[in-house]
Amino acid sequence: MFARNLMTAGLLLALSAPAVLAKPEKGPHFPREYDLNGDGTVTSGEVTTARTAEFTTMDADASGYASIAEIEAWLTAKQTERFGALDSDQSGALSQAEFVGGDTGRQARRAAKAFKIGDTDQNGGLSPAEFAALRPVSQDLIRLLTAVDTDDDDQISLAEYLAEPAKPGR
């Protein structure tokens, strides 16, 4: 149970860390979906609006807190959504071309290596399970969760989710 909670926390932060850690004037570091008006710049207001909407979706029981179970369900839905978006031929598996997408140069090489590592059955495609297994939990992500859950109650409030986390190690 503890390991699952740590993995869930790491996945949450993997999805949200760029938005939490980047300053609003560093718009390109935010997920594209945070640019709500499509002008190519992500403002502080757009970050707050987008993250509030994410949190509302995450907090399925509308308690004002996202529990580990709610976060895990949200992450599973996001993972499924991401897989579906990459699976352009709707085959139920990702080819290397789908996985690498439009990446070029160094990013394409990294993606190709990740694909090779993830294709554990070596059938030339990533199943949803293989795709999900590519998301590692690192010590840095665990430290970030500690920074986000500031009251240490093993759940995240909207205020915690919107707040800039403390720097790791403090």
N, C-alpha and C. Protein backbone atom coordinates (compact mmCIF):
# COMPACT_ATOMS: atom_id res chain seq x y z
N MET A 1 0.83 -1.20 0.00
CA MET A 1 0.00 0.00 0.00
C MET A 1 0.87 1.25 0.00
N PHE A 2 1.93 1.25 0.85
CA PHE A 2 2.81 2.40 0.92
C PHE A 2 3.49 2.65 -0.43
N ALA A 3 3.97 1.56 -1.06
CA ALA A 3 4.65 1.71 -2.36
C ALA A 3 3.68 2.25 -3.39
N ARG A 4 2.42 1.79 -3.38
CA ARG A 4 1.43 2.29 -4.33
C ARG A 4 1.18 3.76 -4.09
N ASN A 5 1.09 4.17 -2.83
CA ASN A 5 0.89 5.58 -2.53
C ASN A 5 2.06 6.43 -3.00
N LEU A 6 3.28 5.93 -2.83
CA LEU A 6 4.45 6.66 -3.29
C LEU A 6 4.45 6.77 -4.81
N MET A 7 4.07 5.68 -5.48
CA MET A 7 4.02 5.71 -6.94
C MET A 7 2.97 6.69 -7.42
N THR A 8 1.81 6.68 -6.78
CA THR A 8 0.75 7.61 -7.14
C THR A 8 1.21 9.04 -6.94
N ALA A 9 1.87 9.29 -5.83
CA ALA A 9 2.37 10.64 -5.57
C ALA A 9 3.37 11.06 -6.63
N GLY A 10 4.26 10.17 -6.97
CA GLY A 10 5.25 10.47 -7.99
C GLY A 10 4.62 10.76 -9.34
N LEU A 11 3.59 9.98 -9.70
CA LEU A 11 2.92 10.22 -10.97
C LEU A 11 2.19 11.55 -10.97
N LEU A 12 1.55 11.88 -9.86
CA LEU A 12 0.88 13.18 -9.77
C LEU A 12 1.89 14.30 -10.01
N LEU A 13 3.01 14.20 -9.34
CA LEU A 13 4.00 15.25 -9.49
C LEU A 13 4.65 15.24 -10.86
N ALA A 14 4.78 14.08 -11.44
CA ALA A 14 5.33 14.03 -12.79
C ALA A 14 4.43 14.78 -13.76
N LEU A 15 3.13 14.69 -13.53
CA LEU A 15 2.20 15.40 -14.39
C LEU A 15 2.12 16.88 -14.07
N SER A 16 2.29 17.22 -12.79
CA SER A 16 2.05 18.61 -12.41
C SER A 16 3.31 19.40 -12.09
N ALA A 17 4.43 18.76 -11.88
CA ALA A 17 5.63 19.48 -11.44
C ALA A 17 6.04 20.61 -12.36
N PRO A 18 6.01 20.46 -13.69
CA PRO A 18 6.42 21.59 -14.52
C PRO A 18 5.56 22.83 -14.27
N ALA A 19 4.28 22.64 -14.08
CA ALA A 19 3.40 23.77 -13.85
C ALA A 19 3.59 24.37 -12.46
N VAL A 20 3.87 23.54 -11.48
CA VAL A 20 4.04 24.03 -10.13
C VAL A 20 5.36 24.77 -9.98
N LEU A 21 6.40 24.26 -10.60
CA LEU A 21 7.72 24.79 -10.38
C LEU A 21 8.09 25.96 -11.27
N ALA A 22 7.50 26.03 -12.45
CA ALA A 22 7.85 27.10 -13.38
C ALA A 22 7.17 28.40 -12.97
N LYS A 23 7.82 29.50 -13.23
CA LYS A 23 7.22 30.80 -12.97
C LYS A 23 6.32 31.16 -14.15
N PRO A 24 5.20 31.88 -13.91
CA PRO A 24 4.27 32.18 -14.99
C PRO A 24 4.92 32.82 -16.21
N GLU A 25 5.95 33.64 -16.03
CA GLU A 25 6.56 34.26 -17.19
C GLU A 25 7.35 33.27 -18.04
N LYS A 26 7.51 32.06 -17.58
CA LYS A 26 8.19 31.02 -18.33
C LYS A 26 7.15 30.13 -19.02
N GLY A 27 6.24 30.74 -19.74
CA GLY A 27 5.11 30.07 -20.37
C GLY A 27 5.42 28.78 -21.09
N PRO A 28 6.49 28.68 -21.88
CA PRO A 28 6.74 27.44 -22.61
C PRO A 28 6.92 26.22 -21.71
N HIS A 29 7.19 26.40 -20.41
CA HIS A 29 7.37 25.27 -19.50
C HIS A 29 6.05 24.72 -19.00
N PHE A 30 4.97 25.39 -19.27
CA PHE A 30 3.66 24.93 -18.83
C PHE A 30 3.06 24.00 -19.88
N PRO A 31 2.21 23.08 -19.43
CA PRO A 31 1.51 22.25 -20.42
C PRO A 31 0.72 23.14 -21.38
N ARG A 32 0.66 22.74 -22.64
CA ARG A 32 -0.05 23.54 -23.65
C ARG A 32 -1.50 23.81 -23.27
N GLU A 33 -2.11 22.85 -22.59
CA GLU A 33 -3.52 23.03 -22.24
C GLU A 33 -3.75 24.15 -21.22
N TYR A 34 -2.68 24.64 -20.59
CA TYR A 34 -2.81 25.76 -19.66
C TYR A 34 -2.97 27.10 -20.39
N ASP A 35 -2.63 27.15 -21.65
CA ASP A 35 -2.80 28.37 -22.46
C ASP A 35 -4.26 28.43 -22.89
N LEU A 36 -5.11 28.88 -21.99
CA LEU A 36 -6.56 28.80 -22.19
C LEU A 36 -7.08 29.66 -23.33
N ASN A 37 -6.40 30.76 -23.63
CA ASN A 37 -6.87 31.62 -24.73
C ASN A 37 -6.08 31.38 -26.02
N GLY A 38 -5.14 30.44 -26.00
CA GLY A 38 -4.42 30.07 -27.21
C GLY A 38 -3.49 31.12 -27.78
N ASP A 39 -3.03 32.05 -26.94
CA ASP A 39 -2.18 33.13 -27.47
C ASP A 39 -0.68 32.80 -27.39
N GLY A 40 -0.33 31.59 -26.94
CA GLY A 40 1.07 31.21 -26.86
C GLY A 40 1.76 31.61 -25.58
N THR A 41 1.07 32.29 -24.68
CA THR A 41 1.62 32.72 -23.40
C THR A 41 0.72 32.21 -22.28
N VAL A 42 1.33 31.66 -21.25
CA VAL A 42 0.57 31.18 -20.10
C VAL A 42 0.72 32.19 -18.98
N THR A 43 -0.39 32.79 -18.58
CA THR A 43 -0.37 33.78 -17.51
C THR A 43 -0.63 33.11 -16.16
N SER A 44 -0.37 33.84 -15.09
CA SER A 44 -0.65 33.33 -13.75
C SER A 44 -2.13 32.99 -13.61
N GLY A 45 -2.99 33.82 -14.17
CA GLY A 45 -4.43 33.57 -14.11
C GLY A 45 -4.81 32.28 -14.82
N GLU A 46 -4.18 32.03 -15.98
CA GLU A 46 -4.47 30.80 -16.71
C GLU A 46 -4.00 29.57 -15.93
N VAL A 47 -2.84 29.69 -15.27
CA VAL A 47 -2.34 28.58 -14.47
C VAL A 47 -3.32 28.28 -13.34
N THR A 48 -3.75 29.32 -12.64
CA THR A 48 -4.69 29.13 -11.53
C THR A 48 -5.99 28.51 -12.02
N THR A 49 -6.53 29.01 -13.12
CA THR A 49 -7.78 28.49 -13.68
C THR A 49 -7.62 27.03 -14.10
N ALA A 50 -6.55 26.72 -14.83
CA ALA A 50 -6.34 25.36 -15.32
C ALA A 50 -6.10 24.38 -14.17
N ARG A 51 -5.29 24.79 -13.20
CA ARG A 51 -5.00 23.88 -12.09
C ARG A 51 -6.20 23.71 -11.17
N THR A 52 -7.02 24.75 -11.04
CA THR A 52 -8.26 24.62 -10.27
C THR A 52 -9.18 23.62 -10.94
N ALA A 53 -9.29 23.68 -12.27
CA ALA A 53 -10.11 22.72 -13.01
C ALA A 53 -9.56 21.30 -12.85
N GLU A 54 -8.23 21.14 -12.92
CA GLU A 54 -7.62 19.83 -12.70
C GLU A 54 -7.96 19.30 -11.32
N PHE A 55 -7.81 20.16 -10.33
CA PHE A 55 -8.08 19.74 -8.96
C PHE A 55 -9.54 19.35 -8.78
N THR A 56 -10.45 20.11 -9.37
CA THR A 56 -11.88 19.81 -9.27
C THR A 56 -12.17 18.44 -9.86
N THR A 57 -11.54 18.12 -10.97
CA THR A 57 -11.70 16.79 -11.59
C THR A 57 -11.10 15.72 -10.68
N MET A 58 -9.96 16.00 -10.12
CA MET A 58 -9.28 15.06 -9.25
C MET A 58 -10.11 14.77 -7.99
N ASP A 59 -10.69 15.79 -7.40
CA ASP A 59 -11.46 15.69 -6.16
C ASP A 59 -12.87 15.19 -6.48
N ALA A 60 -12.98 13.91 -6.81
CA ALA A 60 -14.23 13.32 -7.31
C ALA A 60 -15.40 13.45 -6.34
N ASP A 61 -15.14 13.42 -5.06
CA ASP A 61 -16.24 13.51 -4.10
C ASP A 61 -16.51 14.94 -3.64
N ALA A 62 -15.83 15.91 -4.24
CA ALA A 62 -16.01 17.34 -3.94
C ALA A 62 -15.84 17.66 -2.46
N SER A 63 -14.92 16.95 -1.81
CA SER A 63 -14.67 17.17 -0.38
C SER A 63 -13.75 18.36 -0.12
N GLY A 64 -13.11 18.85 -1.18
CA GLY A 64 -12.13 19.90 -1.01
C GLY A 64 -10.72 19.37 -0.85
N TYR A 65 -10.58 18.05 -0.86
CA TYR A 65 -9.29 17.39 -0.74
C TYR A 65 -9.20 16.27 -1.76
N ALA A 66 -8.04 16.10 -2.36
CA ALA A 66 -7.79 14.98 -3.26
C ALA A 66 -7.07 13.90 -2.46
N SER A 67 -7.77 12.80 -2.24
CA SER A 67 -7.18 11.69 -1.49
C SER A 67 -6.27 10.88 -2.41
N ILE A 68 -5.52 9.98 -1.83
CA ILE A 68 -4.64 9.12 -2.62
C ILE A 68 -5.47 8.33 -3.63
N ALA A 69 -6.60 7.79 -3.23
CA ALA A 69 -7.45 7.02 -4.15
C ALA A 69 -7.96 7.90 -5.30
N GLU A 70 -8.35 9.13 -4.99
CA GLU A 70 -8.83 10.04 -6.03
C GLU A 70 -7.70 10.44 -6.98
N ILE A 71 -6.54 10.67 -6.43
CA ILE A 71 -5.38 11.02 -7.26
C ILE A 71 -5.04 9.85 -8.17
N GLU A 72 -5.05 8.65 -7.61
CA GLU A 72 -4.74 7.46 -8.40
C GLU A 72 -5.75 7.28 -9.54
N ALA A 73 -7.03 7.48 -9.27
CA ALA A 73 -8.05 7.37 -10.33
C ALA A 73 -7.85 8.44 -11.40
N TRP A 74 -7.53 9.66 -10.97
CA TRP A 74 -7.29 10.75 -11.92
C TRP A 74 -6.07 10.45 -12.79
N LEU A 75 -5.01 9.95 -12.16
CA LEU A 75 -3.81 9.62 -12.91
C LEU A 75 -4.06 8.50 -13.92
N THR A 76 -4.84 7.51 -13.53
CA THR A 76 -5.19 6.44 -14.44
C THR A 76 -5.95 6.99 -15.64
N ALA A 77 -6.88 7.88 -15.38
CA ALA A 77 -7.64 8.50 -16.48
C ALA A 77 -6.73 9.33 -17.38
N LYS A 78 -5.80 10.10 -16.78
CA LYS A 78 -4.86 10.89 -17.58
C LYS A 78 -3.95 9.99 -18.41
N GLN A 79 -3.49 8.89 -17.83
CA GLN A 79 -2.64 7.95 -18.54
C GLN A 79 -3.39 7.36 -19.73
N THR A 80 -4.64 6.97 -19.51
CA THR A 80 -5.46 6.41 -20.58
C THR A 80 -5.69 7.44 -21.67
N GLU A 81 -5.96 8.67 -21.27
CA GLU A 81 -6.15 9.77 -22.22
C GLU A 81 -4.90 10.00 -23.06
N ARG A 82 -3.75 10.02 -22.40
CA ARG A 82 -2.48 10.25 -23.11
C ARG A 82 -2.19 9.11 -24.09
N PHE A 83 -2.42 7.88 -23.65
CA PHE A 83 -2.22 6.73 -24.52
C PHE A 83 -3.12 6.83 -25.74
N GLY A 84 -4.38 7.16 -25.53
CA GLY A 84 -5.33 7.30 -26.63
C GLY A 84 -4.93 8.39 -27.61
N ALA A 85 -4.40 9.48 -27.08
CA ALA A 85 -3.98 10.58 -27.95
C ALA A 85 -2.78 10.18 -28.80
N LEU A 86 -1.88 9.38 -28.26
CA LEU A 86 -0.71 8.93 -29.02
C LEU A 86 -1.04 7.83 -30.02
N ASP A 87 -2.04 7.01 -29.71
CA ASP A 87 -2.41 5.86 -30.55
C ASP A 87 -3.22 6.34 -31.75
N SER A 88 -2.54 6.99 -32.69
CA SER A 88 -3.23 7.65 -33.81
C SER A 88 -3.97 6.68 -34.73
N ASP A 89 -3.51 5.44 -34.81
CA ASP A 89 -4.21 4.47 -35.67
C ASP A 89 -5.25 3.66 -34.89
N GLN A 90 -5.42 3.99 -33.61
CA GLN A 90 -6.41 3.33 -32.75
C GLN A 90 -6.26 1.81 -32.71
N SER A 91 -4.99 1.34 -32.75
CA SER A 91 -4.72 -0.09 -32.77
C SER A 91 -4.72 -0.72 -31.38
N GLY A 92 -4.69 0.10 -30.34
CA GLY A 92 -4.60 -0.42 -28.99
C GLY A 92 -3.17 -0.64 -28.54
N ALA A 93 -2.20 -0.30 -29.39
CA ALA A 93 -0.77 -0.39 -29.06
C ALA A 93 -0.08 0.80 -29.72
N LEU A 94 1.01 1.23 -29.12
CA LEU A 94 1.76 2.33 -29.69
C LEU A 94 2.94 1.81 -30.48
N SER A 95 3.04 2.22 -31.73
CA SER A 95 4.23 1.93 -32.52
C SER A 95 5.33 2.89 -32.07
N GLN A 96 6.55 2.61 -32.48
CA GLN A 96 7.64 3.52 -32.14
C GLN A 96 7.39 4.90 -32.74
N ALA A 97 6.87 4.94 -33.96
CA ALA A 97 6.60 6.23 -34.61
C ALA A 97 5.56 7.02 -33.83
N GLU A 98 4.51 6.35 -33.34
CA GLU A 98 3.49 7.05 -32.54
C GLU A 98 4.09 7.53 -31.23
N PHE A 99 4.91 6.70 -30.62
CA PHE A 99 5.49 7.04 -29.33
C PHE A 99 6.46 8.22 -29.46
N VAL A 100 7.31 8.19 -30.47
CA VAL A 100 8.28 9.26 -30.68
C VAL A 100 7.59 10.52 -31.17
N GLY A 101 6.54 10.37 -31.97
CA GLY A 101 5.77 11.52 -32.46
C GLY A 101 6.63 12.48 -33.25
N GLY A 102 6.47 13.75 -32.99
CA GLY A 102 7.20 14.78 -33.72
C GLY A 102 8.55 15.13 -33.13
N ASP A 103 8.99 14.39 -32.13
CA ASP A 103 10.30 14.68 -31.53
C ASP A 103 11.41 14.49 -32.56
N THR A 104 12.44 15.29 -32.44
CA THR A 104 13.60 15.18 -33.32
C THR A 104 14.87 15.23 -32.49
N GLY A 105 15.97 14.87 -33.11
CA GLY A 105 17.28 14.97 -32.46
C GLY A 105 17.37 14.19 -31.17
N ARG A 106 17.87 14.87 -30.16
CA ARG A 106 18.12 14.24 -28.86
C ARG A 106 16.83 13.68 -28.24
N GLN A 107 15.74 14.44 -28.34
CA GLN A 107 14.46 13.98 -27.78
C GLN A 107 14.00 12.70 -28.47
N ALA A 108 14.17 12.64 -29.79
CA ALA A 108 13.76 11.44 -30.53
C ALA A 108 14.61 10.24 -30.12
N ARG A 109 15.90 10.46 -29.92
CA ARG A 109 16.77 9.36 -29.48
C ARG A 109 16.37 8.87 -28.10
N ARG A 110 16.06 9.80 -27.21
CA ARG A 110 15.61 9.42 -25.86
C ARG A 110 14.30 8.64 -25.93
N ALA A 111 13.38 9.15 -26.74
CA ALA A 111 12.08 8.48 -26.88
C ALA A 111 12.25 7.08 -27.47
N ALA A 112 13.14 6.94 -28.44
CA ALA A 112 13.38 5.63 -29.05
C ALA A 112 13.97 4.66 -28.03
N LYS A 113 14.88 5.16 -27.19
CA LYS A 113 15.45 4.31 -26.14
C LYS A 113 14.37 3.91 -25.12
N ALA A 114 13.55 4.88 -24.73
CA ALA A 114 12.47 4.58 -23.80
C ALA A 114 11.52 3.55 -24.39
N PHE A 115 11.23 3.68 -25.69
CA PHE A 115 10.34 2.72 -26.36
C PHE A 115 10.95 1.32 -26.28
N LYS A 116 12.24 1.22 -26.59
CA LYS A 116 12.91 -0.08 -26.58
C LYS A 116 12.87 -0.69 -25.18
N ILE A 117 13.11 0.11 -24.17
CA ILE A 117 13.07 -0.37 -22.78
C ILE A 117 11.64 -0.77 -22.40
N GLY A 118 10.68 0.03 -22.81
CA GLY A 118 9.29 -0.22 -22.44
C GLY A 118 8.68 -1.41 -23.13
N ASP A 119 9.15 -1.75 -24.32
CA ASP A 119 8.60 -2.86 -25.09
C ASP A 119 9.14 -4.18 -24.53
N THR A 120 8.67 -4.53 -23.35
CA THR A 120 9.22 -5.67 -22.62
C THR A 120 8.97 -7.01 -23.31
N ASP A 121 7.88 -7.11 -24.07
CA ASP A 121 7.64 -8.37 -24.80
C ASP A 121 8.26 -8.35 -26.19
N GLN A 122 8.92 -7.26 -26.53
CA GLN A 122 9.65 -7.09 -27.79
C GLN A 122 8.81 -7.43 -29.02
N ASN A 123 7.55 -6.96 -28.99
CA ASN A 123 6.67 -7.19 -30.13
C ASN A 123 6.58 -5.98 -31.05
N GLY A 124 7.38 -4.94 -30.79
CA GLY A 124 7.38 -3.76 -31.65
C GLY A 124 6.30 -2.76 -31.32
N GLY A 125 5.59 -2.95 -30.22
CA GLY A 125 4.54 -2.02 -29.80
C GLY A 125 4.46 -1.94 -28.30
N LEU A 126 3.96 -0.82 -27.81
CA LEU A 126 3.75 -0.65 -26.37
C LEU A 126 2.28 -0.84 -26.06
N SER A 127 1.98 -1.79 -25.20
CA SER A 127 0.61 -1.97 -24.71
C SER A 127 0.32 -0.87 -23.69
N PRO A 128 -0.94 -0.66 -23.33
CA PRO A 128 -1.21 0.32 -22.28
C PRO A 128 -0.44 0.03 -20.99
N ALA A 129 -0.29 -1.23 -20.63
CA ALA A 129 0.45 -1.59 -19.41
C ALA A 129 1.93 -1.25 -19.55
N GLU A 130 2.52 -1.55 -20.71
CA GLU A 130 3.94 -1.21 -20.92
C GLU A 130 4.13 0.30 -20.92
N PHE A 131 3.20 1.02 -21.52
CA PHE A 131 3.26 2.48 -21.54
C PHE A 131 3.21 3.03 -20.12
N ALA A 132 2.30 2.52 -19.31
CA ALA A 132 2.16 2.98 -17.93
C ALA A 132 3.41 2.67 -17.11
N ALA A 133 4.07 1.56 -17.40
CA ALA A 133 5.25 1.16 -16.64
C ALA A 133 6.45 2.05 -16.91
N LEU A 134 6.39 2.87 -17.94
CA LEU A 134 7.52 3.75 -18.26
C LEU A 134 7.64 4.95 -17.33
N ARG A 135 6.69 5.18 -16.47
CA ARG A 135 6.73 6.34 -15.58
C ARG A 135 7.37 5.95 -14.25
N PRO A 136 8.68 6.22 -14.08
CA PRO A 136 9.35 5.86 -12.83
C PRO A 136 9.04 6.85 -11.71
N VAL A 137 9.18 6.39 -10.49
CA VAL A 137 9.05 7.24 -9.32
C VAL A 137 10.46 7.54 -8.83
N SER A 138 10.80 8.79 -8.72
CA SER A 138 12.14 9.15 -8.27
C SER A 138 12.09 9.81 -6.90
N GLN A 139 13.22 9.85 -6.25
CA GLN A 139 13.32 10.50 -4.95
C GLN A 139 12.97 11.98 -5.06
N ASP A 140 13.33 12.61 -6.17
CA ASP A 140 13.00 14.02 -6.34
C ASP A 140 11.49 14.24 -6.35
N LEU A 141 10.76 13.35 -7.01
CA LEU A 141 9.31 13.49 -7.06
C LEU A 141 8.70 13.28 -5.68
N ILE A 142 9.23 12.35 -4.94
CA ILE A 142 8.72 12.12 -3.58
C ILE A 142 8.98 13.36 -2.71
N ARG A 143 10.15 13.98 -2.86
CA ARG A 143 10.43 15.21 -2.12
C ARG A 143 9.45 16.31 -2.52
N LEU A 144 9.12 16.38 -3.80
CA LEU A 144 8.17 17.39 -4.25
C LEU A 144 6.79 17.16 -3.65
N LEU A 145 6.35 15.90 -3.57
CA LEU A 145 5.05 15.64 -2.95
C LEU A 145 5.07 16.11 -1.51
N THR A 146 6.16 15.87 -0.83
CA THR A 146 6.29 16.33 0.55
C THR A 146 6.11 17.83 0.61
N ALA A 147 6.63 18.53 -0.37
CA ALA A 147 6.49 19.99 -0.41
C ALA A 147 5.06 20.40 -0.72
N VAL A 148 4.34 19.64 -1.55
CA VAL A 148 2.97 20.00 -1.92
C VAL A 148 2.01 19.72 -0.76
N ASP A 149 2.14 18.57 -0.10
CA ASP A 149 1.27 18.21 1.02
C ASP A 149 1.83 18.84 2.28
N THR A 150 1.69 20.16 2.40
CA THR A 150 2.35 20.90 3.47
C THR A 150 1.82 20.58 4.87
N ASP A 151 0.56 20.13 4.99
CA ASP A 151 0.05 19.80 6.32
C ASP A 151 0.23 18.32 6.64
N ASP A 152 0.88 17.58 5.73
CA ASP A 152 1.27 16.19 5.95
C ASP A 152 0.10 15.28 6.32
N ASP A 153 -1.07 15.52 5.66
CA ASP A 153 -2.23 14.69 5.94
C ASP A 153 -2.49 13.64 4.86
N ASP A 154 -1.52 13.44 3.99
CA ASP A 154 -1.60 12.45 2.91
C ASP A 154 -2.73 12.70 1.93
N GLN A 155 -3.12 13.94 1.82
CA GLN A 155 -4.06 14.38 0.80
C GLN A 155 -3.70 15.81 0.44
N ILE A 156 -4.18 16.25 -0.69
CA ILE A 156 -3.80 17.58 -1.18
C ILE A 156 -5.04 18.45 -1.29
N SER A 157 -4.99 19.62 -0.70
CA SER A 157 -6.08 20.58 -0.82
C SER A 157 -5.83 21.44 -2.06
N LEU A 158 -6.86 22.16 -2.48
CA LEU A 158 -6.71 23.07 -3.61
C LEU A 158 -5.64 24.10 -3.32
N ALA A 159 -5.63 24.63 -2.11
CA ALA A 159 -4.62 25.63 -1.75
C ALA A 159 -3.21 25.05 -1.87
N GLU A 160 -3.02 23.82 -1.42
CA GLU A 160 -1.72 23.18 -1.53
C GLU A 160 -1.37 22.95 -3.00
N TYR A 161 -2.34 22.56 -3.80
CA TYR A 161 -2.10 22.26 -5.21
C TYR A 161 -1.73 23.51 -5.99
N LEU A 162 -2.30 24.66 -5.59
CA LEU A 162 -2.03 25.90 -6.30
C LEU A 162 -0.78 26.62 -5.79
N ALA A 163 -0.38 26.33 -4.56
CA ALA A 163 0.76 27.02 -3.97
C ALA A 163 2.06 26.57 -4.60
N GLU A 164 3.01 27.49 -4.67
CA GLU A 164 4.35 27.12 -5.13
C GLU A 164 4.99 26.31 -4.02
N PRO A 165 5.48 25.10 -4.34
CA PRO A 165 6.05 24.27 -3.29
C PRO A 165 7.36 24.82 -2.76
N ALA A 166 7.67 24.42 -1.53
CA ALA A 166 8.97 24.78 -0.97
C ALA A 166 10.04 24.06 -1.76
N LYS A 167 11.22 24.61 -1.75
CA LYS A 167 12.32 23.96 -2.47
C LYS A 167 12.68 22.67 -1.74
N PRO A 168 12.95 21.59 -2.52
CA PRO A 168 13.33 20.32 -1.88
C PRO A 168 14.51 20.51 -0.94
N GLY A 169 14.46 19.78 0.17
CA GLY A 169 15.54 19.84 1.13
C GLY A 169 15.37 20.88 2.21
N ARG A 170 14.27 21.64 2.14
CA ARG A 170 14.05 22.68 3.15
C ARG A 170 12.97 22.27 4.10
